[in-house]
Amino acid sequence: MIVYIALLRGINVGGKNVIKMAELKKVFEAIGLSDVKTYIQSGNVLFKSNQGEEFLRGKIEHQIEAVFGFPVTVILRTSAELEQLVSNCPFSEEELAEAEASTEAESQYVALLTHVPLQEKIALLDAYRGENDQYRIIGRDVFLLFNHSIRNSKLATNLYKLGVSATVRNWKTLNKLTTLVKAMD
């Protein structure tokens, strides 16, 4: 069986689209997914399945909307994809150290996309790249580095211009998910 990580977009943010993790776990189990585990309230679900990504994504999104009454975008990665993402950070040690030194908040994030964005859409992001906000795209992952904060970043607020559904997680969360995935393999 393949270990998957489902990353739900826009739940439990500012009191909107509230889903309790125990209820979310039941939804995943009800559609036949096994070894379901959740991690923190932002909608990270680990599970096992032999089904393909596109089929699973549609099935999970449909079931969440049926049970909770609102649509939720689900981004899926396999355990191998997540481990590769974490081990292939494109920023240098110097860039990471500089960003960490200049902010009290998290500086490193990844926007996980459902599909690889078109090249002409990627070019639209270049207008928002600066010395304080950097990005690198590898496949369907956008690695983000903020020297001040993600909160006021024009780059972060313009990720939608890629024209692909996305959800963002900080680097610590992705590393923790990788650790949890390894325990499931």
Protein backbone atom coordinates (compact mmCIF):
# COMPACT_ATOMS: atom_id res chain seq x y z
CA MET A 1 0.00 0.00 0.00
CA ILE A 2 1.07 3.57 -0.68
CA VAL A 3 1.37 6.01 2.22
CA TYR A 4 -0.25 9.32 1.27
CA ILE A 5 -0.37 12.69 2.94
CA ALA A 6 -3.51 14.76 2.35
CA LEU A 7 -3.05 18.48 2.93
CA LEU A 8 -6.36 20.30 3.14
CA ARG A 9 -6.56 23.92 2.04
CA GLY A 10 -8.27 26.58 4.10
CA ILE A 11 -9.78 24.69 7.01
CA ASN A 12 -9.81 25.92 10.61
CA VAL A 13 -8.51 29.36 9.62
CA GLY A 14 -10.06 32.35 11.36
CA GLY A 15 -13.06 30.33 12.55
CA LYS A 16 -14.07 29.40 9.00
CA ASN A 17 -14.50 25.93 7.51
CA VAL A 18 -14.09 24.34 10.92
CA ILE A 19 -13.45 20.61 10.91
CA LYS A 20 -12.45 18.67 14.01
CA MET A 21 -9.63 16.25 13.31
CA ALA A 22 -11.46 13.31 14.92
CA GLU A 23 -14.38 13.89 12.53
CA LEU A 24 -12.02 14.28 9.57
CA LYS A 25 -10.36 10.98 10.45
CA LYS A 26 -13.77 9.27 10.42
CA VAL A 27 -14.47 10.66 6.92
CA PHE A 28 -11.22 9.16 5.60
CA GLU A 29 -11.95 5.82 7.26
CA ALA A 30 -15.53 5.80 5.93
CA ILE A 31 -14.28 5.86 2.33
CA GLY A 32 -12.04 2.86 2.93
CA LEU A 33 -8.66 4.44 3.64
CA SER A 34 -6.52 2.67 6.22
CA ASP A 35 -4.12 3.62 9.03
CA VAL A 36 -5.56 7.15 9.08
CA LYS A 37 -3.75 9.66 11.29
CA THR A 38 -4.13 13.43 11.58
CA TYR A 39 -1.53 16.01 12.53
CA ILE A 40 -2.43 19.44 13.95
CA GLN A 41 -5.59 21.38 13.17
CA SER A 42 -4.57 22.73 9.75
CA GLY A 43 -5.74 19.58 7.99
CA ASN A 44 -2.87 17.16 7.53
CA VAL A 45 -3.98 13.55 7.17
CA LEU A 46 -1.74 10.51 6.67
CA PHE A 47 -3.26 7.29 5.33
CA LYS A 48 -2.62 4.21 3.22
CA SER A 49 -4.30 3.26 -0.04
CA ASN A 50 -3.66 1.39 -3.28
CA GLN A 51 -5.70 3.88 -5.32
CA GLY A 52 -4.25 6.57 -7.59
CA GLU A 53 -3.85 10.21 -6.64
CA GLU A 54 -6.46 11.84 -8.90
CA PHE A 55 -9.11 9.28 -8.00
CA LEU A 56 -8.37 9.65 -4.28
CA ARG A 57 -8.34 13.43 -4.40
CA GLY A 58 -11.77 13.54 -6.04
CA LYS A 59 -13.17 10.95 -3.65
CA ILE A 60 -11.85 12.76 -0.54
CA GLU A 61 -13.00 16.21 -1.71
CA HIS A 62 -16.47 14.86 -2.54
CA GLN A 63 -16.84 13.14 0.84
CA ILE A 64 -15.64 16.18 2.82
CA GLU A 65 -18.17 18.41 1.07
CA ALA A 66 -20.94 15.85 1.58
CA VAL A 67 -20.22 15.52 5.32
CA PHE A 68 -19.24 19.09 6.27
CA GLY A 69 -21.24 21.09 3.72
CA PHE A 70 -18.45 23.13 2.13
CA PRO A 71 -15.84 22.42 -0.55
CA VAL A 72 -12.23 21.83 0.45
CA THR A 73 -9.29 21.50 -1.92
CA VAL A 74 -7.13 18.49 -1.09
CA ILE A 75 -3.49 18.27 -2.15
CA LEU A 76 -1.96 14.78 -2.06
CA ARG A 77 1.64 13.66 -1.88
CA THR A 78 3.03 10.16 -1.49
CA SER A 79 5.50 9.45 1.29
CA ALA A 80 8.29 9.27 -1.32
CA GLU A 81 7.31 12.66 -2.77
CA LEU A 82 7.23 14.27 0.68
CA GLU A 83 10.60 12.80 1.65
CA GLN A 84 12.09 14.04 -1.63
CA LEU A 85 10.63 17.51 -1.07
CA VAL A 86 12.18 17.80 2.40
CA SER A 87 15.58 16.48 1.29
CA ASN A 88 15.80 18.78 -1.78
CA CYS A 89 15.46 22.26 -0.32
CA PRO A 90 16.72 24.59 -3.08
CA PHE A 91 17.86 27.39 -0.78
CA SER A 92 21.48 27.60 0.33
CA GLU A 93 22.48 27.41 3.99
CA GLU A 94 23.46 31.08 3.73
CA GLU A 95 20.03 32.11 2.38
CA LEU A 96 18.27 30.13 5.10
CA ALA A 97 20.44 31.56 7.89
CA GLU A 98 19.92 35.11 6.63
CA ALA A 99 16.14 34.68 6.51
CA GLU A 100 16.00 33.09 9.97
CA ALA A 101 18.11 35.89 11.44
CA SER A 102 15.87 38.62 10.01
CA THR A 103 12.52 37.38 11.34
CA GLU A 104 11.03 36.13 14.57
CA ALA A 105 8.41 34.18 12.64
CA GLU A 106 8.81 31.16 10.40
CA SER A 107 10.81 31.98 7.29
CA GLN A 108 10.59 28.80 5.22
CA TYR A 109 7.41 27.46 3.62
CA VAL A 110 6.29 25.32 0.71
CA ALA A 111 3.19 25.86 -1.40
CA LEU A 112 2.08 22.39 -2.50
CA LEU A 113 0.21 22.45 -5.81
CA THR A 114 -2.24 20.00 -7.35
CA HIS A 115 -0.48 20.24 -10.73
CA VAL A 116 2.68 21.70 -12.28
CA PRO A 117 1.98 25.34 -13.22
CA LEU A 118 2.37 26.58 -16.78
CA GLN A 119 5.60 28.45 -17.54
CA GLU A 120 3.76 31.66 -18.49
CA LYS A 121 1.98 31.60 -15.12
CA ILE A 122 5.27 31.14 -13.27
CA ALA A 123 6.61 34.28 -14.97
CA LEU A 124 3.80 36.27 -13.32
CA LEU A 125 5.33 35.61 -9.89
CA ASP A 126 8.64 37.21 -10.78
CA ALA A 127 7.17 40.67 -10.17
CA TYR A 128 6.78 39.73 -6.48
CA ARG A 129 10.22 38.26 -5.95
CA GLY A 130 12.58 40.52 -4.04
CA GLU A 131 15.36 40.48 -1.52
CA ASN A 132 12.79 39.80 1.21
CA ASP A 133 10.70 37.21 -0.65
CA GLN A 134 12.24 34.41 -2.69
CA TYR A 135 10.79 31.36 -4.38
CA ARG A 136 11.96 28.35 -6.32
CA ILE A 137 9.65 25.94 -8.10
CA ILE A 138 10.47 22.26 -8.35
CA GLY A 139 7.74 20.32 -10.13
CA ARG A 140 4.53 21.05 -8.28
CA ASP A 141 6.13 22.48 -5.15
CA VAL A 142 6.88 26.17 -4.64
CA PHE A 143 9.62 26.64 -2.06
CA LEU A 144 9.22 30.01 -0.31
CA LEU A 145 11.68 31.96 1.81
CA PHE A 146 10.67 35.13 3.65
CA ASN A 147 13.15 37.49 5.28
CA HIS A 148 10.40 39.28 7.19
CA SER A 149 7.10 37.43 7.35
CA ILE A 150 4.67 35.50 5.21
CA ARG A 151 1.87 37.69 6.60
CA ASN A 152 2.74 40.84 4.63
CA SER A 153 4.31 39.13 1.65
CA LYS A 154 3.09 40.17 -1.79
CA LEU A 155 4.62 36.95 -3.13
CA ALA A 156 2.52 34.82 -0.78
CA THR A 157 -0.69 36.69 -1.57
CA ASN A 158 -0.12 36.33 -5.32
CA LEU A 159 0.52 32.57 -5.47
CA TYR A 160 -3.00 32.22 -6.89
CA LYS A 161 -1.66 33.69 -10.15
CA LEU A 162 -0.05 30.31 -10.83
CA GLY A 163 -3.55 29.18 -11.77
CA VAL A 164 -3.23 25.95 -9.78
CA SER A 165 -4.85 25.03 -6.46
CA ALA A 166 -2.36 25.17 -3.61
CA THR A 167 -1.97 24.94 0.13
CA VAL A 168 0.97 26.26 2.13
CA ARG A 169 2.79 24.57 5.01
CA ASN A 170 5.78 25.74 7.01
CA TRP A 171 9.03 23.81 6.95
CA LYS A 172 8.65 22.49 10.51
CA THR A 173 5.28 20.96 9.70
CA LEU A 174 6.63 19.29 6.55
CA ASN A 175 9.56 17.83 8.51
CA LYS A 176 7.21 16.53 11.21
CA LEU A 177 4.97 14.95 8.56
CA THR A 178 8.04 13.27 7.06
CA THR A 179 8.89 11.80 10.46
CA LEU A 180 5.32 10.53 10.89
CA VAL A 181 5.35 9.04 7.38
CA LYS A 182 8.56 7.13 8.06
CA ALA A 183 6.93 5.57 11.12
CA MET A 184 4.07 4.33 8.91
CA ASP A 185 6.25 2.73 6.18
